[in-house]
């Protein structure tokens, strides 16, 4: 198993420096095709400004400048990728809403690389756009902090496991990365006296063994609302440089709202996290 294609937004905001570097590095390491999206939000002149010709004209000029900067950004992106050893790379300028166009292009990618979101995220996706994309792409997403990937990434991997569909997808999706790691721990948590998650984690360890990956299981007692904190505590204790977990959304009426454990890990990780939904 490997990653044959990697997708990343082309974003020159400092918060995205780590995700761009990570995408280049992983594409070179895996010999994968790298696709970059320079996203240009559609021009939308507010209704109250339309009678004011000068304001509408100014907004259109800014939009045209955004398109020029996107084209220049693509050239830099492709040049930097080739310099990093990426054999196959393509940058595309797309006029569309960010989350929607990333989801569309992700359908034919093996891995999507995005910046780890911050509360005041001002990057191409803006606000909580990274979270929205995470639940919409249908592909594994590697979320990378601004500082990028550590040397030798990944050395130690912590897999958060609860036996769910999302956790199973994340486990399988992360196999190419875990195959390179020095140690892998499958971590489960649950209420005191409930050994079900631990037994399920041992099944995940056996699954990894069939892929040639040696792993161990670990379990901690934690209330449901504290699972995210338990994952991060165990990851730090183990010295993990990658957390792998399912991304959980709330019920359909709030489909693109993240669940508590998912949001807690994103907010407090400070390290690369691979999530699948």
C-alpha atoms as a PDB file:
ATOM      1  CA  UNK A   1       0.000   0.000   0.000  1.00  0.00           C
ATOM      2  CA  UNK A   2       1.221   3.468  -0.854  1.00  0.00           C
ATOM      3  CA  UNK A   3       0.087   6.983  -1.723  1.00  0.00           C
ATOM      4  CA  UNK A   4       0.113   7.522  -5.475  1.00  0.00           C
ATOM      5  CA  UNK A   5      -1.386  11.023  -5.451  1.00  0.00           C
ATOM      6  CA  UNK A   6      -1.391  13.833  -2.900  1.00  0.00           C
ATOM      7  CA  UNK A   7      -3.554  16.962  -2.908  1.00  0.00           C
ATOM      8  CA  UNK A   8      -2.771  20.239  -1.120  1.00  0.00           C
ATOM      9  CA  UNK A   9      -4.165  23.792  -1.340  1.00  0.00           C
ATOM     10  CA  UNK A  10      -1.635  26.350  -2.563  1.00  0.00           C
ATOM     11  CA  UNK A  11      -1.749  28.895   0.233  1.00  0.00           C
ATOM     12  CA  UNK A  12       1.008  31.400   0.960  1.00  0.00           C
ATOM     13  CA  UNK A  13      -0.397  32.362   4.348  1.00  0.00           C
ATOM     14  CA  UNK A  14       2.259  31.514   7.009  1.00  0.00           C
ATOM     15  CA  UNK A  15      -0.147  29.089   8.721  1.00  0.00           C
ATOM     16  CA  UNK A  16       0.002  26.834   5.642  1.00  0.00           C
ATOM     17  CA  UNK A  17       3.796  26.685   5.367  1.00  0.00           C
ATOM     18  CA  UNK A  18       3.937  23.357   7.184  1.00  0.00           C
ATOM     19  CA  UNK A  19       1.263  21.668   5.073  1.00  0.00           C
ATOM     20  CA  UNK A  20       2.913  22.731   1.818  1.00  0.00           C
ATOM     21  CA  UNK A  21       6.322  21.515   2.967  1.00  0.00           C
ATOM     22  CA  UNK A  22       4.780  18.248   4.157  1.00  0.00           C
ATOM     23  CA  UNK A  23       2.997  17.652   0.840  1.00  0.00           C
ATOM     24  CA  UNK A  24       6.217  18.192  -1.115  1.00  0.00           C
ATOM     25  CA  UNK A  25       8.198  15.963   1.206  1.00  0.00           C
ATOM     26  CA  UNK A  26       5.689  13.105   1.200  1.00  0.00           C
ATOM     27  CA  UNK A  27       5.196  13.270  -2.575  1.00  0.00           C
ATOM     28  CA  UNK A  28       8.957  12.970  -3.040  1.00  0.00           C
ATOM     29  CA  UNK A  29       9.263  10.142  -0.486  1.00  0.00           C
ATOM     30  CA  UNK A  30       6.382   8.098  -1.929  1.00  0.00           C
ATOM     31  CA  UNK A  31       7.051   8.939  -5.578  1.00  0.00           C
ATOM     32  CA  UNK A  32       3.508  10.338  -5.695  1.00  0.00           C
ATOM     33  CA  UNK A  33       1.906  12.822  -8.065  1.00  0.00           C
ATOM     34  CA  UNK A  34       1.406  16.165  -6.293  1.00  0.00           C
ATOM     35  CA  UNK A  35      -1.573  18.353  -7.162  1.00  0.00           C
ATOM     36  CA  UNK A  36      -1.870  21.882  -5.796  1.00  0.00           C
ATOM     37  CA  UNK A  37      -5.028  23.980  -5.843  1.00  0.00           C
ATOM     38  CA  UNK A  38      -4.789  27.757  -5.992  1.00  0.00           C
ATOM     39  CA  UNK A  39      -8.313  28.646  -4.905  1.00  0.00           C
ATOM     40  CA  UNK A  40      -9.877  31.949  -5.956  1.00  0.00           C
ATOM     41  CA  UNK A  41     -13.184  32.684  -4.208  1.00  0.00           C
ATOM     42  CA  UNK A  42     -15.954  33.724  -6.656  1.00  0.00           C
ATOM     43  CA  UNK A  43     -16.479  37.440  -7.107  1.00  0.00           C
ATOM     44  CA  UNK A  44     -19.554  38.469  -5.154  1.00  0.00           C
ATOM     45  CA  UNK A  45     -20.361  42.172  -5.007  1.00  0.00           C
ATOM     46  CA  UNK A  46     -22.684  42.853  -2.054  1.00  0.00           C
ATOM     47  CA  UNK A  47     -26.120  44.043  -3.131  1.00  0.00           C
ATOM     48  CA  UNK A  48     -25.750  47.323  -1.238  1.00  0.00           C
ATOM     49  CA  UNK A  49     -22.580  48.156  -3.205  1.00  0.00           C
ATOM     50  CA  UNK A  50     -23.864  47.370  -6.679  1.00  0.00           C
ATOM     51  CA  UNK A  51     -25.312  50.844  -7.328  1.00  0.00           C
ATOM     52  CA  UNK A  52     -21.902  52.277  -6.440  1.00  0.00           C
ATOM     53  CA  UNK A  53     -19.935  51.751  -9.605  1.00  0.00           C
ATOM     54  CA  UNK A  54     -16.614  52.728  -8.032  1.00  0.00           C
ATOM     55  CA  UNK A  55     -16.907  50.140  -5.258  1.00  0.00           C
ATOM     56  CA  UNK A  56     -17.893  47.357  -7.653  1.00  0.00           C
ATOM     57  CA  UNK A  57     -15.031  48.267 -10.003  1.00  0.00           C
ATOM     58  CA  UNK A  58     -12.545  48.239  -7.151  1.00  0.00           C
ATOM     59  CA  UNK A  59     -13.711  44.798  -6.021  1.00  0.00           C
ATOM     60  CA  UNK A  60     -13.377  43.470  -9.553  1.00  0.00           C
ATOM     61  CA  UNK A  61      -9.824  44.830  -9.793  1.00  0.00           C
ATOM     62  CA  UNK A  62      -8.940  43.116  -6.515  1.00  0.00           C
ATOM     63  CA  UNK A  63     -10.432  39.877  -7.834  1.00  0.00           C
ATOM     64  CA  UNK A  64      -8.397  40.101 -11.033  1.00  0.00           C
ATOM     65  CA  UNK A  65      -5.293  40.691  -8.925  1.00  0.00           C
ATOM     66  CA  UNK A  66      -6.140  37.597  -6.876  1.00  0.00           C
ATOM     67  CA  UNK A  67      -6.195  35.564 -10.100  1.00  0.00           C
ATOM     68  CA  UNK A  68      -2.807  36.935 -11.150  1.00  0.00           C
ATOM     69  CA  UNK A  69      -1.342  36.126  -7.747  1.00  0.00           C
ATOM     70  CA  UNK A  70      -2.807  32.605  -7.958  1.00  0.00           C
ATOM     71  CA  UNK A  71      -1.088  32.010 -11.286  1.00  0.00           C
ATOM     72  CA  UNK A  72       2.209  33.282  -9.869  1.00  0.00           C
ATOM     73  CA  UNK A  73       1.718  31.089  -6.802  1.00  0.00           C
ATOM     74  CA  UNK A  74       1.274  28.037  -9.015  1.00  0.00           C
ATOM     75  CA  UNK A  75       4.613  28.666 -10.715  1.00  0.00           C
ATOM     76  CA  UNK A  76       6.349  28.959  -7.342  1.00  0.00           C
ATOM     77  CA  UNK A  77       4.572  25.841  -6.072  1.00  0.00           C
ATOM     78  CA  UNK A  78       5.634  23.736  -9.046  1.00  0.00           C
ATOM     79  CA  UNK A  79       9.227  25.020  -8.932  1.00  0.00           C
ATOM     80  CA  UNK A  80       9.536  24.313  -5.191  1.00  0.00           C
ATOM     81  CA  UNK A  81       8.090  20.823  -5.644  1.00  0.00           C
ATOM     82  CA  UNK A  82      10.558  19.936  -8.385  1.00  0.00           C
ATOM     83  CA  UNK A  83      13.402  21.294  -6.267  1.00  0.00           C
ATOM     84  CA  UNK A  84      12.226  19.007  -3.437  1.00  0.00           C
ATOM     85  CA  UNK A  85      12.458  15.984  -5.735  1.00  0.00           C
ATOM     86  CA  UNK A  86       8.815  15.615  -6.789  1.00  0.00           C
ATOM     87  CA  UNK A  87       8.795  14.048 -10.251  1.00  0.00           C
ATOM     88  CA  UNK A  88       5.132  14.682 -11.103  1.00  0.00           C
ATOM     89  CA  UNK A  89       3.470  17.944 -10.056  1.00  0.00           C
ATOM     90  CA  UNK A  90       0.617  20.118 -11.293  1.00  0.00           C
ATOM     91  CA  UNK A  91      -0.831  23.345  -9.959  1.00  0.00           C
ATOM     92  CA  UNK A  92      -4.366  24.417 -10.845  1.00  0.00           C
ATOM     93  CA  UNK A  93      -6.109  27.781 -10.437  1.00  0.00           C
ATOM     94  CA  UNK A  94      -9.770  27.225  -9.569  1.00  0.00           C
ATOM     95  CA  UNK A  95     -12.497  29.816  -9.086  1.00  0.00           C
ATOM     96  CA  UNK A  96     -14.795  28.233  -6.497  1.00  0.00           C
ATOM     97  CA  UNK A  97     -15.626  27.993  -2.828  1.00  0.00           C
ATOM     98  CA  UNK A  98     -12.655  26.416  -1.089  1.00  0.00           C
ATOM     99  CA  UNK A  99     -14.195  23.480   0.782  1.00  0.00           C
ATOM    100  CA  UNK A 100     -16.312  22.416  -2.201  1.00  0.00           C
ATOM    101  CA  UNK A 101     -13.476  22.410  -4.727  1.00  0.00           C
ATOM    102  CA  UNK A 102     -11.106  20.586  -2.364  1.00  0.00           C
ATOM    103  CA  UNK A 103     -13.746  17.915  -1.809  1.00  0.00           C
ATOM    104  CA  UNK A 104     -14.212  17.526  -5.580  1.00  0.00           C
ATOM    105  CA  UNK A 105     -10.505  17.144  -6.359  1.00  0.00           C
ATOM    106  CA  UNK A 106      -9.920  14.933  -3.323  1.00  0.00           C
ATOM    107  CA  UNK A 107     -12.073  12.213  -4.865  1.00  0.00           C
ATOM    108  CA  UNK A 108      -9.133  11.152  -7.025  1.00  0.00           C
ATOM    109  CA  UNK A 109      -6.353  11.674  -4.480  1.00  0.00           C
ATOM    110  CA  UNK A 110      -4.966   9.143  -2.010  1.00  0.00           C
ATOM    111  CA  UNK A 111      -4.104  11.736   0.627  1.00  0.00           C
ATOM    112  CA  UNK A 112      -5.149  15.335   1.294  1.00  0.00           C
ATOM    113  CA  UNK A 113      -2.751  17.576   3.230  1.00  0.00           C
ATOM    114  CA  UNK A 114      -4.202  20.564   5.079  1.00  0.00           C
ATOM    115  CA  UNK A 115      -2.952  22.950   7.756  1.00  0.00           C
ATOM    116  CA  UNK A 116      -3.858  22.088  11.317  1.00  0.00           C
ATOM    117  CA  UNK A 117      -6.633  24.619  12.014  1.00  0.00           C
ATOM    118  CA  UNK A 118      -6.355  27.445  14.504  1.00  0.00           C
ATOM    119  CA  UNK A 119      -9.127  29.485  16.089  1.00  0.00           C
ATOM    120  CA  UNK A 120      -8.118  32.558  14.055  1.00  0.00           C
ATOM    121  CA  UNK A 121      -7.317  30.669  10.854  1.00  0.00           C
ATOM    122  CA  UNK A 122      -6.835  33.205   8.062  1.00  0.00           C
ATOM    123  CA  UNK A 123      -5.617  30.822   5.370  1.00  0.00           C
ATOM    124  CA  UNK A 124      -7.240  29.896   2.068  1.00  0.00           C
ATOM    125  CA  UNK A 125      -9.958  27.888   3.788  1.00  0.00           C
ATOM    126  CA  UNK A 126     -10.502  30.498   6.488  1.00  0.00           C
ATOM    127  CA  UNK A 127     -12.268  30.169   9.827  1.00  0.00           C
ATOM    128  CA  UNK A 128     -13.518  26.622  10.308  1.00  0.00           C
ATOM    129  CA  UNK A 129     -13.126  25.724   6.646  1.00  0.00           C
ATOM    130  CA  UNK A 130     -10.503  23.078   7.396  1.00  0.00           C
ATOM    131  CA  UNK A 131     -12.976  21.317   9.679  1.00  0.00           C
ATOM    132  CA  UNK A 132     -15.679  21.473   7.009  1.00  0.00           C
ATOM    133  CA  UNK A 133     -13.320  20.053   4.384  1.00  0.00           C
ATOM    134  CA  UNK A 134     -12.227  17.292   6.748  1.00  0.00           C
ATOM    135  CA  UNK A 135     -15.749  15.891   6.898  1.00  0.00           C
ATOM    136  CA  UNK A 136     -16.520  16.480   3.214  1.00  0.00           C
ATOM    137  CA  UNK A 137     -13.548  15.099   1.258  1.00  0.00           C
ATOM    138  CA  UNK A 138     -14.118  11.373   1.788  1.00  0.00           C
ATOM    139  CA  UNK A 139     -10.359  10.796   1.810  1.00  0.00           C
ATOM    140  CA  UNK A 140      -7.688  10.630   4.528  1.00  0.00           C
ATOM    141  CA  UNK A 141      -6.549  14.085   5.614  1.00  0.00           C
ATOM    142  CA  UNK A 142      -3.129  14.793   7.115  1.00  0.00           C
ATOM    143  CA  UNK A 143      -3.334  17.949   9.220  1.00  0.00           C
ATOM    144  CA  UNK A 144       0.058  19.595   9.670  1.00  0.00           C
ATOM    145  CA  UNK A 145       1.052  22.390  12.091  1.00  0.00           C
ATOM    146  CA  UNK A 146       2.795  25.507  10.831  1.00  0.00           C
ATOM    147  CA  UNK A 147       6.182  24.177  11.970  1.00  0.00           C
ATOM    148  CA  UNK A 148       5.812  21.246   9.543  1.00  0.00           C
ATOM    149  CA  UNK A 149       6.796  17.598   9.902  1.00  0.00           C
ATOM    150  CA  UNK A 150       9.534  16.587  12.347  1.00  0.00           C
ATOM    151  CA  UNK A 151      12.728  14.955  11.136  1.00  0.00           C
ATOM    152  CA  UNK A 152      12.326  11.257  10.405  1.00  0.00           C
ATOM    153  CA  UNK A 153       8.538  11.522  10.332  1.00  0.00           C
ATOM    154  CA  UNK A 154       6.841   9.387  11.427  1.00  0.00           C
ATOM    155  CA  UNK A 155       8.897   7.765  14.170  1.00  0.00           C
ATOM    156  CA  UNK A 156       6.190   6.986  16.734  1.00  0.00           C
ATOM    157  CA  UNK A 157       2.516   6.688  15.833  1.00  0.00           C
ATOM    158  CA  UNK A 158      -0.461   6.621  18.165  1.00  0.00           C
ATOM    159  CA  UNK A 159      -3.660   5.198  16.665  1.00  0.00           C
ATOM    160  CA  UNK A 160      -6.822   6.200  18.546  1.00  0.00           C
ATOM    161  CA  UNK A 161      -9.122   3.198  18.270  1.00  0.00           C
ATOM    162  CA  UNK A 162     -12.752   2.573  19.215  1.00  0.00           C
ATOM    163  CA  UNK A 163     -13.745   0.015  16.585  1.00  0.00           C
ATOM    164  CA  UNK A 164     -15.933   2.465  14.648  1.00  0.00           C
ATOM    165  CA  UNK A 165     -16.220   2.819  10.880  1.00  0.00           C
ATOM    166  CA  UNK A 166     -14.224   6.058  11.011  1.00  0.00           C
ATOM    167  CA  UNK A 167     -11.458   4.523  13.121  1.00  0.00           C
ATOM    168  CA  UNK A 168     -11.244   1.543  10.748  1.00  0.00           C
ATOM    169  CA  UNK A 169     -10.873   3.842   7.765  1.00  0.00           C
ATOM    170  CA  UNK A 170      -8.156   5.860   9.486  1.00  0.00           C
ATOM    171  CA  UNK A 171      -6.280   2.688  10.442  1.00  0.00           C
ATOM    172  CA  UNK A 172      -6.241   1.444   6.851  1.00  0.00           C
ATOM    173  CA  UNK A 173      -5.556   4.886   5.359  1.00  0.00           C
ATOM    174  CA  UNK A 174      -2.482   5.391   7.552  1.00  0.00           C
ATOM    175  CA  UNK A 175      -0.804   2.066   6.695  1.00  0.00           C
ATOM    176  CA  UNK A 176       1.711   3.632   4.244  1.00  0.00           C
ATOM    177  CA  UNK A 177       2.904   6.011   6.964  1.00  0.00           C
ATOM    178  CA  UNK A 178       2.872   3.451   9.788  1.00  0.00           C
ATOM    179  CA  UNK A 179       4.953   1.084   7.659  1.00  0.00           C
ATOM    180  CA  UNK A 180       7.766   3.647   7.971  1.00  0.00           C
ATOM    181  CA  UNK A 181       7.439   4.211  11.723  1.00  0.00           C
ATOM    182  CA  UNK A 182       9.699   2.732  14.399  1.00  0.00           C
ATOM    183  CA  UNK A 183       6.808   2.108  16.798  1.00  0.00           C
ATOM    184  CA  UNK A 184       3.013   2.041  16.607  1.00  0.00           C
ATOM    185  CA  UNK A 185       0.590   1.988  19.543  1.00  0.00           C
ATOM    186  CA  UNK A 186      -3.125   1.302  19.147  1.00  0.00           C
ATOM    187  CA  UNK A 187      -4.755   3.199  21.998  1.00  0.00           C
ATOM    188  CA  UNK A 188      -8.277   2.638  23.291  1.00  0.00           C
ATOM    189  CA  UNK A 189     -10.165   4.301  26.123  1.00  0.00           C
ATOM    190  CA  UNK A 190     -13.494   3.869  27.833  1.00  0.00           C
ATOM    191  CA  UNK A 191     -15.351   3.827  31.144  1.00  0.00           C
ATOM    192  CA  UNK A 192     -13.965   1.816  34.048  1.00  0.00           C
ATOM    193  CA  UNK A 193     -14.849  -1.867  33.793  1.00  0.00           C
ATOM    194  CA  UNK A 194     -15.492  -1.760  30.048  1.00  0.00           C
ATOM    195  CA  UNK A 195     -12.850  -3.944  28.406  1.00  0.00           C
ATOM    196  CA  UNK A 196     -14.548  -4.003  25.010  1.00  0.00           C
ATOM    197  CA  UNK A 197     -12.380  -1.242  23.506  1.00  0.00           C
ATOM    198  CA  UNK A 198      -9.194  -2.999  24.648  1.00  0.00           C
ATOM    199  CA  UNK A 199     -10.171  -6.304  23.021  1.00  0.00           C
ATOM    200  CA  UNK A 200     -11.087  -4.435  19.838  1.00  0.00           C
ATOM    201  CA  UNK A 201      -7.697  -2.661  19.863  1.00  0.00           C
ATOM    202  CA  UNK A 202      -5.949  -6.037  19.965  1.00  0.00           C
ATOM    203  CA  UNK A 203      -7.831  -6.941  16.765  1.00  0.00           C
ATOM    204  CA  UNK A 204      -6.478  -3.770  15.171  1.00  0.00           C
ATOM    205  CA  UNK A 205      -2.963  -4.794  16.219  1.00  0.00           C
ATOM    206  CA  UNK A 206      -3.461  -8.133  14.462  1.00  0.00           C
ATOM    207  CA  UNK A 207      -4.710  -6.313  11.349  1.00  0.00           C
ATOM    208  CA  UNK A 208      -1.536  -4.248  11.249  1.00  0.00           C
ATOM    209  CA  UNK A 209       0.614  -7.346  11.712  1.00  0.00           C
ATOM    210  CA  UNK A 210      -0.902  -8.759   8.521  1.00  0.00           C
ATOM    211  CA  UNK A 211       0.488  -5.687   6.766  1.00  0.00           C
ATOM    212  CA  UNK A 212       3.933  -6.222   8.228  1.00  0.00           C
ATOM    213  CA  UNK A 213       3.545  -3.529  10.903  1.00  0.00           C
ATOM    214  CA  UNK A 214       4.461  -4.394  14.474  1.00  0.00           C
ATOM    215  CA  UNK A 215       2.204  -2.613  16.979  1.00  0.00           C
ATOM    216  CA  UNK A 216       1.138  -2.851  20.608  1.00  0.00           C
ATOM    217  CA  UNK A 217      -2.162  -2.063  22.288  1.00  0.00           C
ATOM    218  CA  UNK A 218      -2.747   0.290  25.201  1.00  0.00           C
ATOM    219  CA  UNK A 219      -5.865   1.209  27.176  1.00  0.00           C
ATOM    220  CA  UNK A 220      -6.878   3.965  29.575  1.00  0.00           C
ATOM    221  CA  UNK A 221     -10.003   4.643  31.585  1.00  0.00           C
ATOM    222  CA  UNK A 222     -11.760   7.819  30.460  1.00  0.00           C
ATOM    223  CA  UNK A 223     -15.288   9.189  30.384  1.00  0.00           C
ATOM    224  CA  UNK A 224     -16.716   9.740  26.900  1.00  0.00           C
ATOM    225  CA  UNK A 225     -16.403  13.528  27.119  1.00  0.00           C
ATOM    226  CA  UNK A 226     -12.713  13.212  28.044  1.00  0.00           C
ATOM    227  CA  UNK A 227     -11.621  10.851  25.272  1.00  0.00           C
ATOM    228  CA  UNK A 228      -9.924  13.618  23.265  1.00  0.00           C
ATOM    229  CA  UNK A 229      -7.865  14.656  26.287  1.00  0.00           C
ATOM    230  CA  UNK A 230      -6.928  11.018  26.948  1.00  0.00           C
ATOM    231  CA  UNK A 231      -5.710  10.590  23.364  1.00  0.00           C
ATOM    232  CA  UNK A 232      -3.484  13.656  23.556  1.00  0.00           C
ATOM    233  CA  UNK A 233      -2.129  12.734  26.992  1.00  0.00           C
ATOM    234  CA  UNK A 234      -1.143   9.258  25.806  1.00  0.00           C
ATOM    235  CA  UNK A 235       0.359  10.622  22.573  1.00  0.00           C
ATOM    236  CA  UNK A 236       2.585  13.026  24.512  1.00  0.00           C
ATOM    237  CA  UNK A 237       3.572  10.360  27.029  1.00  0.00           C
ATOM    238  CA  UNK A 238       4.580   8.048  24.183  1.00  0.00           C
ATOM    239  CA  UNK A 239       6.482  10.799  22.366  1.00  0.00           C
ATOM    240  CA  UNK A 240       4.314  10.296  19.284  1.00  0.00           C
ATOM    241  CA  UNK A 241       4.875  12.507  16.257  1.00  0.00           C
ATOM    242  CA  UNK A 242       1.668  11.364  14.507  1.00  0.00           C
ATOM    243  CA  UNK A 243      -1.847  10.718  15.801  1.00  0.00           C
ATOM    244  CA  UNK A 244      -4.184   8.610  13.635  1.00  0.00           C
ATOM    245  CA  UNK A 245      -7.927   8.685  14.345  1.00  0.00           C
ATOM    246  CA  UNK A 246     -11.370   8.768  12.855  1.00  0.00           C
ATOM    247  CA  UNK A 247     -13.015  12.172  12.363  1.00  0.00           C
ATOM    248  CA  UNK A 248     -16.443  12.159  13.903  1.00  0.00           C
ATOM    249  CA  UNK A 249     -19.308  14.425  12.906  1.00  0.00           C
ATOM    250  CA  UNK A 250     -22.506  15.008  14.806  1.00  0.00           C
ATOM    251  CA  UNK A 251     -25.907  13.761  13.545  1.00  0.00           C
ATOM    252  CA  UNK A 252     -27.173  14.563  10.053  1.00  0.00           C
ATOM    253  CA  UNK A 253     -29.017  17.707  11.122  1.00  0.00           C
ATOM    254  CA  UNK A 254     -25.593  19.134  12.027  1.00  0.00           C
ATOM    255  CA  UNK A 255     -23.599  17.115   9.522  1.00  0.00           C
ATOM    256  CA  UNK A 256     -20.538  19.327   9.248  1.00  0.00           C
ATOM    257  CA  UNK A 257     -20.082  19.949  12.953  1.00  0.00           C
ATOM    258  CA  UNK A 258     -17.243  18.008  14.527  1.00  0.00           C
ATOM    259  CA  UNK A 259     -17.717  15.702  17.475  1.00  0.00           C
ATOM    260  CA  UNK A 260     -16.146  16.465  20.853  1.00  0.00           C
ATOM    261  CA  UNK A 261     -13.112  14.144  20.696  1.00  0.00           C
ATOM    262  CA  UNK A 262     -12.275  15.221  17.144  1.00  0.00           C
ATOM    263  CA  UNK A 263     -12.458  18.905  18.002  1.00  0.00           C
ATOM    264  CA  UNK A 264     -10.439  18.424  21.203  1.00  0.00           C
ATOM    265  CA  UNK A 265      -7.603  16.700  19.344  1.00  0.00           C
ATOM    266  CA  UNK A 266      -7.526  19.308  16.573  1.00  0.00           C
ATOM    267  CA  UNK A 267      -7.457  22.129  19.106  1.00  0.00           C
ATOM    268  CA  UNK A 268      -4.753  20.694  21.326  1.00  0.00           C
ATOM    269  CA  UNK A 269      -2.575  18.392  19.217  1.00  0.00           C
ATOM    270  CA  UNK A 270       0.212  20.691  18.064  1.00  0.00           C
ATOM    271  CA  UNK A 271       1.487  17.714  16.045  1.00  0.00           C
ATOM    272  CA  UNK A 272       0.527  16.058  12.751  1.00  0.00           C
ATOM    273  CA  UNK A 273      -2.823  14.259  12.837  1.00  0.00           C
ATOM    274  CA  UNK A 274      -4.198  11.926  10.171  1.00  0.00           C
ATOM    275  CA  UNK A 275      -7.993  11.775  10.206  1.00  0.00           C
ATOM    276  CA  UNK A 276     -10.519   9.885   8.095  1.00  0.00           C
ATOM    277  CA  UNK A 277     -14.293  10.339   8.085  1.00  0.00           C
END
